Amino acid sequence: MTLSYGNALWRNFLGQSPDGYKLIIVLFLVINPLIFLINPFAAGWLLVIEFIFTLVMALKCYPLLPGGLLVTEAIIIGMTSSEHVREEIATNLDVLLLLMFMVAGIFFMKQLLLFIFTRLLLSIQSKLKLALAFCLAAAFLSAFLDALTVVAVVISVSMGFYEIYHRVASAPDNADSAQVREDLNRFRAFLRSLMMHAGVGTALGGVMTMVGEPQNLIIAKAAGWDFVEFALRIAPVSVPVLFCGLVTCVLVEKFRCFGYGEPLPDSVRQVLTEVDNQNRQQRTRQDKVRLCTQALIAVWLIIALALHLAEVGLIGLSVIILATSLTGITDEHTIGKAFSEALPFTALLTAFFAVVAVIVDQQLFSPLIAFVLQASPQSQLSLFYIFNGVLSSISDNVFVGSVYITEAKNALLHGAYGVEQFNLLAVAINTGTNLPSVATPNGQAAFLFLLTSALAPLIRLSYGRMVWMALPYTIVLSLVGWLCVAFALVPLTEWMTSQGWISVLPPGIAH
């Protein structure tokens, strides 16, 4: 049957997305100019809600496409200008460089990360200790590396092990074996729990440093904090949350609740160990040197970040240069693959900045900021944390963090509060966007990446199951984070300032 041109155009529009979703996006594009002519303020808020809708519906269509259409139309009809968007991008160039170069740099260190997680999986017999090790390893790595890369590595390890045992389980001799099928289902439950522990670990570590999440770097740049100052200012919240998150990991494993606690079946461990031993015997001296080289590059990365030897993106570029030149990667196409993982999100982040420009031009958050500023300084911290947390649990936390820190910085420049209060609000915004976002895959990019990976259907990890398994972490991380922001942040910050650990007026805050 030959399609009409209209039907062909409709099928091409947003590809395989459901027709209902396509209709909603078309409706948005039609009504936005009409509303803007009547009430620009209402049209601006409508655009923000529509953009959040595209983030929430990320599984139907990658948000860059519908969100990009919405912000392009917004620029055309005058909600903001292309010049303002360029200014927002220029202001946040460090974040874009982080995504482009740091993520690509870590791509060339995947062998080292694969080695680390493989050894953890096969060396630790106790499931409780293994879960804790995965959560801790993911947290530590995510404090210095990109969380998506860490999750991608854990997915690669789990995918490899699943395929190895699945080949055994699907062999003709085992096809009708009830025991093999049961072991396979238990292995799926085992991998599900490990992936969730690792995913939460990236949130626990990602909140602690300025390179842990993209919004952290945006907040750090707005506040004028370097790597060490950022870590110290966030520590009154991030350290107790890390401890409580690890305790939660132990409890859900020990009591086998919320889908956790399934150990690795002995038959599966035996198969995986045999294959790993074969791989280790086949590892050449060149492979071993490559692993040692990547370990040294990882040390350089941590030192360079801690001493702030250069902008984060440039440090990432140095990792690319060292990791490729010292491990024998010289082909342009191989190098190009490293950038393919980060560029879609880099483009989406650029669209975020366009929405931020609309928010600033239309003064959308002015009433909200005015409401918050009417509260006492202590209450302002809780309100910022809660507002960020609610939005970040259903929407992308990078978008939410960039919007709120922009508005908080504008309020500072207009004299609404002093630098000390702004520094505290920046901590509340950072922790508010990072911690409650584990509630759903929409808030945590690492969770969304896992949910849309090829591994998720193999281990039976659905959207609903992911939300259920994340629930204990969501409650603990959100509640402990709020208690720390509300009651511990101010006295601990004052104490660190009195000790000279952090400055009252960080360099660059005036800019």
Protein backbone atom coordinates (compact mmCIF):
# COMPACT_ATOMS: atom_id res chain seq x y z
CA MET A 1 0.00 0.00 0.00
CA THR A 2 1.42 3.38 -1.07
CA LEU A 3 1.50 6.05 1.61
CA SER A 4 0.21 9.53 0.89
CA TYR A 5 2.67 12.38 1.34
CA GLY A 6 0.81 13.45 4.49
CA ASN A 7 1.05 9.98 6.04
CA ALA A 8 4.69 9.72 5.05
CA LEU A 9 5.41 13.08 6.70
CA TRP A 10 3.56 12.01 9.86
CA ARG A 11 5.50 8.73 10.07
CA ASN A 12 8.78 10.55 9.64
CA PHE A 13 7.92 13.11 12.35
CA LEU A 14 9.60 11.86 15.56
CA GLY A 15 9.98 8.42 13.99
CA GLN A 16 8.68 5.49 16.05
CA SER A 17 7.22 7.61 18.86
CA PRO A 18 3.54 6.86 19.63
CA ASP A 19 0.98 8.85 17.65
CA GLY A 20 -0.50 10.28 20.84
CA TYR A 21 2.92 11.63 21.85
CA LYS A 22 3.38 13.19 18.41
CA LEU A 23 -0.03 14.87 18.65
CA ILE A 24 0.84 16.37 22.03
CA ILE A 25 4.10 17.85 20.67
CA VAL A 26 2.27 19.31 17.65
CA LEU A 27 -0.34 20.79 20.00
CA PHE A 28 2.45 22.40 22.05
CA LEU A 29 3.97 23.93 18.91
CA VAL A 30 0.60 25.31 17.81
CA ILE A 31 -0.59 26.86 21.08
CA ASN A 32 2.72 28.35 22.29
CA PRO A 33 2.77 31.30 19.83
CA LEU A 34 -0.91 32.01 20.52
CA ILE A 35 -0.41 32.07 24.29
CA PHE A 36 2.73 34.19 23.89
CA LEU A 37 0.73 36.87 22.06
CA ILE A 38 -1.77 37.01 24.93
CA ASN A 39 0.46 36.52 27.99
CA PRO A 40 4.27 36.06 27.58
CA PHE A 41 4.69 35.10 31.25
CA ALA A 42 2.14 32.27 30.98
CA ALA A 43 3.67 31.16 27.68
CA GLY A 44 7.09 30.97 29.32
CA TRP A 45 5.83 28.76 32.13
CA LEU A 46 3.97 26.63 29.61
CA LEU A 47 7.24 26.11 27.71
CA VAL A 48 9.02 25.03 30.91
CA ILE A 49 6.24 22.53 31.71
CA GLU A 50 6.31 21.23 28.14
CA PHE A 51 10.07 20.82 28.24
CA ILE A 52 9.84 18.92 31.53
CA PHE A 53 7.19 16.74 29.88
CA THR A 54 9.67 15.78 27.13
CA LEU A 55 12.21 14.85 29.83
CA VAL A 56 9.67 12.76 31.72
CA MET A 57 8.71 10.97 28.48
CA ALA A 58 12.33 10.29 27.52
CA LEU A 59 11.57 6.61 26.89
CA LYS A 60 9.11 7.58 24.14
CA CYS A 61 11.54 9.89 22.34
CA TYR A 62 14.96 11.32 23.17
CA PRO A 63 14.17 14.78 24.65
CA LEU A 64 16.58 16.62 22.35
CA LEU A 65 14.18 16.25 19.43
CA PRO A 66 10.84 17.52 20.83
CA GLY A 67 12.61 19.80 23.30
CA GLY A 68 14.74 21.20 20.52
CA LEU A 69 11.66 21.97 18.44
CA LEU A 70 10.07 23.77 21.38
CA VAL A 71 13.09 25.96 22.17
CA THR A 72 13.70 26.73 18.48
CA GLU A 73 10.13 27.98 18.20
CA ALA A 74 10.57 29.96 21.43
CA ILE A 75 13.54 31.79 19.94
CA ILE A 76 11.71 32.45 16.69
CA ILE A 77 8.63 33.96 18.36
CA GLY A 78 10.72 36.11 20.72
CA MET A 79 10.58 34.41 24.13
CA THR A 80 14.35 34.84 24.16
CA SER A 81 17.05 35.68 21.65
CA SER A 82 19.74 33.61 20.00
CA GLU A 83 22.26 36.07 21.43
CA HIS A 84 21.09 35.36 24.99
CA VAL A 85 21.27 31.63 24.33
CA ARG A 86 24.84 32.09 23.08
CA GLU A 87 25.67 33.98 26.29
CA GLU A 88 24.25 31.17 28.43
CA ILE A 89 26.28 28.61 26.46
CA ALA A 90 29.44 30.73 26.79
CA THR A 91 28.87 31.06 30.53
CA ASN A 92 28.59 27.27 30.85
CA LEU A 93 31.26 26.32 28.32
CA ASP A 94 33.18 24.47 31.06
CA VAL A 95 30.26 22.08 31.47
CA LEU A 96 30.10 21.34 27.75
CA LEU A 97 33.85 20.73 27.70
CA LEU A 98 33.42 18.38 30.66
CA LEU A 99 30.87 16.31 28.78
CA MET A 100 32.76 16.31 25.49
CA PHE A 101 36.25 15.55 26.75
CA MET A 102 35.97 13.95 30.19
CA VAL A 103 33.42 11.32 29.12
CA ALA A 104 35.45 10.57 26.00
CA GLY A 105 38.62 10.34 28.08
CA ILE A 106 37.13 7.79 30.45
CA PHE A 107 36.01 5.76 27.40
CA PHE A 108 39.68 4.92 26.81
CA MET A 109 40.05 3.68 30.39
CA LYS A 110 37.21 1.16 30.24
CA GLN A 111 39.62 -1.80 30.29
CA LEU A 112 40.83 -0.77 33.73
CA LEU A 113 37.29 -0.27 35.01
CA LEU A 114 36.16 -3.59 33.54
CA PHE A 115 39.09 -5.27 35.27
CA ILE A 116 38.17 -3.68 38.63
CA PHE A 117 34.50 -4.69 38.58
CA THR A 118 35.24 -8.17 37.22
CA ARG A 119 37.66 -8.83 40.05
CA LEU A 120 35.12 -7.55 42.58
CA LEU A 121 32.39 -9.79 41.21
CA LEU A 122 34.42 -12.98 41.23
CA SER A 123 36.66 -12.39 44.25
CA ILE A 124 34.04 -11.55 46.90
CA GLN A 125 31.94 -14.54 47.97
CA SER A 126 29.48 -12.77 50.31
CA LYS A 127 26.61 -11.06 48.45
CA LEU A 128 26.29 -8.42 51.17
CA LYS A 129 30.00 -7.53 50.94
CA LEU A 130 29.81 -7.62 47.14
CA ALA A 131 26.83 -5.24 47.07
CA LEU A 132 28.64 -2.88 49.43
CA ALA A 133 31.81 -3.09 47.32
CA PHE A 134 29.92 -2.29 44.10
CA CYS A 135 28.13 0.63 45.73
CA LEU A 136 31.37 2.00 47.20
CA ALA A 137 33.36 1.49 43.99
CA ALA A 138 30.69 3.23 41.93
CA ALA A 139 30.56 6.09 44.45
CA PHE A 140 34.34 6.57 44.46
CA LEU A 141 34.65 6.40 40.68
CA SER A 142 31.67 8.73 40.13
CA ALA A 143 33.26 11.36 42.36
CA PHE A 144 36.04 11.71 39.79
CA LEU A 145 34.60 10.25 36.60
CA ASP A 146 31.36 10.60 34.69
CA ALA A 147 28.52 8.58 36.27
CA LEU A 148 27.23 7.43 32.88
CA THR A 149 30.63 5.95 32.05
CA VAL A 150 30.78 4.12 35.37
CA VAL A 151 27.30 2.67 34.82
CA ALA A 152 28.22 1.80 31.21
CA VAL A 153 31.20 -0.20 32.48
CA VAL A 154 29.12 -2.07 35.06
CA ILE A 155 26.57 -2.81 32.33
CA SER A 156 29.37 -4.16 30.12
CA VAL A 157 30.61 -6.45 32.92
CA SER A 158 27.10 -7.70 33.72
CA MET A 159 26.23 -8.12 30.03
CA GLY A 160 29.36 -10.18 29.43
CA PHE A 161 28.69 -12.46 32.38
CA TYR A 162 25.02 -12.83 31.48
CA GLU A 163 25.84 -13.85 27.90
CA ILE A 164 28.39 -16.40 29.14
CA TYR A 165 25.95 -18.16 31.43
CA HIS A 166 23.01 -17.74 29.05
CA ARG A 167 24.97 -19.71 26.43
CA VAL A 168 25.36 -22.50 28.97
CA ALA A 169 21.70 -22.32 30.02
CA SER A 170 20.46 -22.40 26.43
CA ALA A 171 22.68 -25.31 25.35
CA PRO A 172 20.72 -28.36 24.06
CA ASP A 173 21.66 -30.44 27.12
CA ASN A 174 20.29 -27.78 29.49
CA ALA A 175 17.30 -26.50 27.52
CA ASP A 176 14.77 -28.52 29.53
CA SER A 177 16.55 -28.39 32.87
CA ALA A 178 14.38 -26.83 35.58
CA GLN A 179 17.46 -26.28 37.76
CA VAL A 180 19.27 -24.36 35.03
CA ARG A 181 16.22 -22.16 34.42
CA GLU A 182 15.91 -21.49 38.14
CA ASP A 183 19.61 -20.59 38.36
CA LEU A 184 19.20 -18.24 35.39
CA ASN A 185 16.28 -16.45 37.07
CA ARG A 186 18.28 -16.16 40.30
CA PHE A 187 21.23 -14.84 38.32
CA ARG A 188 18.96 -12.19 36.80
CA ALA A 189 17.82 -11.12 40.28
CA PHE A 190 21.46 -11.05 41.40
CA LEU A 191 22.47 -8.79 38.49
CA ARG A 192 19.43 -6.52 39.00
CA SER A 193 20.40 -5.83 42.58
CA LEU A 194 24.05 -5.19 41.71
CA MET A 195 23.12 -2.78 38.92
CA MET A 196 20.82 -0.84 41.25
CA HIS A 197 23.47 -0.68 43.99
CA ALA A 198 25.97 0.61 41.44
CA GLY A 199 23.46 3.13 40.08
CA VAL A 200 22.75 4.50 43.55
CA GLY A 201 26.49 4.53 44.21
CA THR A 202 26.97 6.93 41.30
CA ALA A 203 24.48 9.30 42.98
CA LEU A 204 26.21 8.99 46.36
CA GLY A 205 29.61 9.79 44.86
CA GLY A 206 28.36 12.14 42.17
CA VAL A 207 27.07 14.68 44.68
CA MET A 208 30.43 15.00 46.44
CA THR A 209 32.65 16.72 43.84
CA MET A 210 32.30 19.34 41.13
CA VAL A 211 32.94 16.76 38.38
CA GLY A 212 30.57 14.13 39.75
CA GLU A 213 27.56 15.48 37.82
CA PRO A 214 27.25 18.16 35.12
CA GLN A 215 25.05 20.37 37.30
CA ASN A 216 27.74 20.31 39.99
CA LEU A 217 30.13 22.09 37.67
CA ILE A 218 27.45 24.66 36.77
CA ILE A 219 26.86 25.33 40.48
CA ALA A 220 30.59 25.41 41.28
CA LYS A 221 31.23 27.92 38.48
CA ALA A 222 28.37 30.17 39.65
CA ALA A 223 29.71 30.10 43.22
CA GLY A 224 33.38 30.43 42.26
CA TRP A 225 34.41 27.20 44.02
CA ASP A 226 37.37 25.06 43.01
CA PHE A 227 37.50 21.26 43.35
CA VAL A 228 38.58 21.16 47.00
CA GLU A 229 36.29 23.96 48.19
CA PHE A 230 33.31 22.34 46.48
CA ALA A 231 33.99 19.01 48.20
CA LEU A 232 34.38 20.69 51.61
CA ARG A 233 31.24 22.80 51.32
CA ILE A 234 29.12 19.82 50.24
CA ALA A 235 30.66 17.50 52.88
CA PRO A 236 28.24 18.41 55.74
CA VAL A 237 25.50 16.86 53.60
CA SER A 238 27.28 14.41 51.30
CA VAL A 239 29.29 12.52 53.94
CA PRO A 240 26.34 11.65 56.25
CA VAL A 241 24.27 10.76 53.16
CA LEU A 242 27.04 8.46 51.90
CA PHE A 243 27.20 6.69 55.27
CA CYS A 244 23.41 6.29 55.48
CA GLY A 245 23.26 5.13 51.86
CA LEU A 246 25.80 2.38 52.58
CA VAL A 247 23.84 1.36 55.69
CA THR A 248 20.72 1.14 53.52
CA CYS A 249 22.64 -1.08 51.09
CA VAL A 250 23.55 -3.43 53.93
CA LEU A 251 20.01 -3.52 55.34
CA VAL A 252 18.16 -4.25 52.08
CA GLU A 253 20.64 -7.05 51.32
CA LYS A 254 20.56 -8.52 54.82
CA PHE A 255 16.76 -8.57 55.04
CA ARG A 256 16.28 -9.36 51.31
CA CYS A 257 13.63 -6.72 50.76
CA PHE A 258 12.69 -4.53 47.79
CA GLY A 259 14.10 -7.11 45.37
CA TYR A 260 17.58 -7.31 46.90
CA GLY A 261 19.48 -10.11 48.61
CA GLU A 262 19.69 -12.82 45.92
CA PRO A 263 23.20 -14.39 46.00
CA LEU A 264 25.13 -15.60 42.97
CA PRO A 265 24.23 -19.26 42.35
CA ASP A 266 27.22 -21.60 42.79
CA SER A 267 26.72 -23.13 39.35
CA VAL A 268 26.87 -19.68 37.74
CA ARG A 269 29.98 -18.69 39.72
CA GLN A 270 31.74 -21.86 38.59
CA VAL A 271 31.02 -21.14 34.90
CA LEU A 272 32.06 -17.47 35.17
CA THR A 273 35.25 -18.28 37.07
CA GLU A 274 36.34 -20.83 34.45
CA VAL A 275 35.85 -18.34 31.63
CA ASP A 276 37.65 -15.59 33.57
CA ASN A 277 40.61 -17.88 34.23
CA GLN A 278 40.86 -18.58 30.50
CA ASN A 279 40.81 -14.85 29.73
CA ARG A 280 43.51 -14.15 32.32
CA GLN A 281 45.77 -16.83 30.83
CA GLN A 282 45.31 -15.29 27.39
CA ARG A 283 46.18 -11.78 28.62
CA THR A 284 49.45 -10.71 27.01
CA ARG A 285 52.23 -8.63 28.50
CA GLN A 286 51.07 -5.78 26.28
CA ASP A 287 47.57 -6.03 27.82
CA LYS A 288 49.06 -5.92 31.33
CA VAL A 289 51.15 -2.85 30.48
CA ARG A 290 48.03 -1.20 29.07
CA LEU A 291 46.17 -1.76 32.36
CA CYS A 292 49.07 -0.33 34.39
CA THR A 293 49.22 2.69 32.08
CA GLN A 294 45.51 3.36 32.53
CA ALA A 295 45.92 3.09 36.31
CA LEU A 296 48.66 5.74 36.23
CA ILE A 297 46.47 7.98 34.06
CA ALA A 298 43.68 7.59 36.65
CA VAL A 299 46.12 8.80 39.34
CA TRP A 300 47.02 11.79 37.15
CA LEU A 301 43.31 12.55 36.72
CA ILE A 302 42.64 12.60 40.46
CA ILE A 303 45.71 14.75 41.21
CA ALA A 304 44.93 17.20 38.39
CA LEU A 305 41.34 17.61 39.58
CA ALA A 306 42.27 17.97 43.25
CA LEU A 307 44.94 20.61 42.55
CA HIS A 308 42.82 22.30 39.86
CA LEU A 309 45.75 22.26 37.44
CA ALA A 310 43.44 23.19 34.55
CA GLU A 311 39.76 23.45 33.64
CA VAL A 312 37.98 20.13 34.03
CA GLY A 313 37.34 19.74 30.30
CA LEU A 314 41.01 20.34 29.49
CA ILE A 315 42.04 17.73 32.06
CA GLY A 316 39.68 15.36 30.27
CA LEU A 317 41.37 16.23 26.97
CA SER A 318 44.75 15.40 28.53
CA VAL A 319 43.34 12.01 29.53
CA ILE A 320 42.28 11.39 25.92
CA ILE A 321 45.77 12.28 24.65
CA LEU A 322 47.58 10.16 27.26
CA ALA A 323 45.21 7.18 27.11
CA THR A 324 45.31 6.94 23.33
CA SER A 325 48.97 7.67 22.68
CA LEU A 326 50.23 5.36 25.45
CA THR A 327 47.91 2.43 24.72
CA GLY A 328 48.30 2.27 20.96
CA ILE A 329 44.99 3.79 19.80
CA THR A 330 45.73 5.83 16.67
CA ASP A 331 42.75 5.24 14.39
CA GLU A 332 40.42 8.22 13.89
CA HIS A 333 37.26 6.07 13.78
CA THR A 334 38.13 4.37 17.07
CA ILE A 335 38.72 7.72 18.70
CA GLY A 336 35.45 9.03 17.25
CA LYS A 337 33.45 6.31 19.02
CA ALA A 338 34.48 7.80 22.36
CA PHE A 339 32.68 11.05 21.57
CA SER A 340 29.45 9.42 20.38
CA GLU A 341 28.34 8.62 23.96
CA ALA A 342 28.49 12.19 25.25
CA LEU A 343 27.49 14.36 22.29
CA PRO A 344 23.71 13.63 22.34
CA PHE A 345 23.52 14.74 25.97
CA THR A 346 25.81 17.69 25.23
CA ALA A 347 23.32 18.83 22.59
CA LEU A 348 20.44 18.32 25.02
CA LEU A 349 22.25 20.40 27.63
CA THR A 350 22.55 23.20 25.08
CA ALA A 351 18.76 23.06 24.73
CA PHE A 352 18.57 23.32 28.55
CA PHE A 353 20.49 26.57 28.38
CA ALA A 354 18.01 27.91 25.82
CA VAL A 355 15.17 27.24 28.28
CA VAL A 356 17.21 28.95 31.02
CA ALA A 357 17.49 31.98 28.73
CA VAL A 358 13.68 32.01 28.36
CA ILE A 359 13.27 31.77 32.14
CA VAL A 360 15.60 34.74 32.67
CA ASP A 361 14.07 36.91 29.93
CA GLN A 362 10.48 36.24 30.99
CA GLN A 363 11.36 36.41 34.73
CA LEU A 364 9.45 33.19 35.32
CA PHE A 365 11.01 32.34 38.67
CA SER A 366 10.85 35.84 40.12
CA PRO A 367 7.61 35.15 42.08
CA LEU A 368 9.03 31.85 43.37
CA ILE A 369 12.31 33.44 44.41
CA ALA A 370 10.38 36.29 46.05
CA PHE A 371 8.33 33.72 48.01
CA VAL A 372 11.47 31.91 49.17
CA LEU A 373 13.19 35.16 50.17
CA GLN A 374 10.28 36.04 52.46
CA ALA A 375 11.22 33.05 54.61
CA SER A 376 13.97 33.09 57.22
CA PRO A 377 17.53 32.33 55.96
CA GLN A 378 17.37 28.86 57.56
CA SER A 379 14.00 28.10 55.96
CA GLN A 380 15.31 29.24 52.58
CA LEU A 381 17.75 26.32 52.60
CA SER A 382 14.99 23.78 53.20
CA LEU A 383 12.71 25.36 50.58
CA PHE A 384 15.41 25.34 47.91
CA TYR A 385 16.28 21.72 48.74
CA ILE A 386 12.64 20.60 48.61
CA PHE A 387 11.76 22.51 45.41
CA ASN A 388 14.85 21.11 43.67
CA GLY A 389 14.21 17.63 45.00
CA VAL A 390 10.61 17.41 43.83
CA LEU A 391 11.44 18.62 40.33
CA SER A 392 14.59 16.50 40.07
CA SER A 393 12.69 13.34 40.98
CA ILE A 394 10.55 13.63 37.84
CA SER A 395 12.76 15.67 35.53
CA ASP A 396 16.42 15.90 34.57
CA ASN A 397 18.50 17.13 37.50
CA VAL A 398 20.97 19.00 35.26
CA PHE A 399 18.14 21.16 33.92
CA VAL A 400 16.71 21.79 37.39
CA GLY A 401 20.08 22.60 38.91
CA SER A 402 21.06 25.02 36.15
CA VAL A 403 17.73 26.87 36.41
CA TYR A 404 17.81 27.30 40.18
CA ILE A 405 21.45 28.30 40.50
CA THR A 406 20.95 30.91 37.76
CA GLU A 407 18.03 32.41 39.66
CA ALA A 408 19.87 32.25 42.99
CA LYS A 409 22.90 34.01 41.45
CA ASN A 410 20.65 36.73 39.97
CA ALA A 411 19.07 37.28 43.40
CA LEU A 412 22.57 37.64 44.90
CA LEU A 413 23.60 40.19 42.27
CA HIS A 414 20.43 42.19 43.01
CA GLY A 415 21.27 42.30 46.72
CA ALA A 416 18.58 39.91 47.97
CA TYR A 417 21.08 38.26 50.33
CA GLY A 418 24.80 38.12 51.02
CA VAL A 419 27.52 35.84 49.70
CA GLU A 420 27.46 33.57 52.76
CA GLN A 421 23.75 32.83 52.29
CA PHE A 422 24.27 32.29 48.57
CA ASN A 423 26.99 29.72 49.29
CA LEU A 424 24.62 27.83 51.60
CA LEU A 425 21.82 28.00 49.01
CA ALA A 426 24.21 26.63 46.38
CA VAL A 427 24.83 23.60 48.62
CA ALA A 428 21.07 23.14 49.09
CA ILE A 429 20.52 23.35 45.32
CA ASN A 430 23.32 20.90 44.55
CA THR A 431 22.21 18.29 47.08
CA GLY A 432 18.54 18.83 46.25
CA THR A 433 19.11 18.07 42.58
CA ASN A 434 21.37 15.05 43.21
CA LEU A 435 19.83 13.08 46.06
CA PRO A 436 16.02 12.87 45.56
CA SER A 437 16.59 12.32 41.82
CA VAL A 438 17.23 8.61 42.45
CA ALA A 439 13.45 8.23 42.81
CA THR A 440 12.90 7.64 39.08
CA PRO A 441 14.94 7.07 35.90
CA ASN A 442 13.72 10.48 34.73
CA GLY A 443 15.77 12.23 37.40
CA GLN A 444 18.97 10.18 37.27
CA ALA A 445 20.66 9.98 33.88
CA ALA A 446 22.56 6.88 35.04
CA PHE A 447 19.25 5.11 35.84
CA LEU A 448 17.76 6.13 32.51
CA PHE A 449 20.87 4.88 30.72
CA LEU A 450 20.54 1.54 32.51
CA LEU A 451 16.81 1.28 31.79
CA THR A 452 17.32 1.89 28.05
CA SER A 453 20.34 -0.44 27.79
CA ALA A 454 20.28 -3.86 26.16
CA LEU A 455 20.86 -5.41 29.59
CA ALA A 456 17.61 -4.20 31.20
CA PRO A 457 15.19 -6.53 29.36
CA LEU A 458 17.57 -9.48 29.77
CA ILE A 459 17.60 -9.15 33.57
CA ARG A 460 13.88 -8.18 33.65
CA LEU A 461 14.51 -4.65 34.93
CA SER A 462 11.41 -2.60 34.08
CA TYR A 463 10.58 1.02 34.91
CA GLY A 464 8.26 0.02 37.76
CA ARG A 465 10.72 -2.45 39.23
CA MET A 466 13.50 0.14 39.11
CA VAL A 467 11.35 2.69 40.99
CA TRP A 468 10.45 0.03 43.58
CA MET A 469 14.06 -1.05 44.10
CA ALA A 470 15.16 2.59 44.37
CA LEU A 471 12.45 3.42 46.95
CA PRO A 472 14.43 2.67 50.16
CA TYR A 473 17.36 4.69 48.84
CA THR A 474 15.03 7.52 47.77
CA ILE A 475 13.54 7.79 51.26
CA VAL A 476 16.86 7.59 53.10
CA LEU A 477 18.89 9.85 50.81
CA SER A 478 16.17 12.50 50.54
CA LEU A 479 15.36 12.58 54.25
CA VAL A 480 18.96 12.52 55.51
CA GLY A 481 19.92 15.14 52.92
CA TRP A 482 17.12 17.45 54.10
CA LEU A 483 17.99 16.98 57.79
CA CYS A 484 21.63 17.84 57.07
CA VAL A 485 20.69 20.91 55.01
CA ALA A 486 18.20 22.10 57.63
CA PHE A 487 20.22 21.52 60.80
CA ALA A 488 23.89 20.64 60.16
CA LEU A 489 24.93 22.72 57.16
CA VAL A 490 25.12 26.16 58.78
CA PRO A 491 27.08 25.26 61.97
CA LEU A 492 29.50 22.98 60.11
CA THR A 493 30.10 25.59 57.41
CA GLU A 494 30.77 28.25 60.04
CA TRP A 495 33.20 25.90 61.78
CA MET A 496 35.09 25.14 58.54
CA THR A 497 35.26 28.86 57.78
CA SER A 498 36.67 29.58 61.25
CA GLN A 499 39.31 26.90 60.67
CA GLY A 500 40.29 28.51 57.36
CA TRP A 501 39.33 25.44 55.34
CA ILE A 502 36.94 27.43 53.14
CA SER A 503 36.84 31.12 52.27
CA VAL A 504 33.98 33.49 52.95
CA LEU A 505 34.33 34.99 49.48
CA PRO A 506 35.58 32.39 46.97
CA PRO A 507 37.57 33.73 43.98
CA GLY A 508 35.29 34.55 41.08
CA ILE A 509 32.07 34.98 43.06
CA ALA A 510 31.80 38.60 42.00
CA HIS A 511 31.73 37.52 38.38
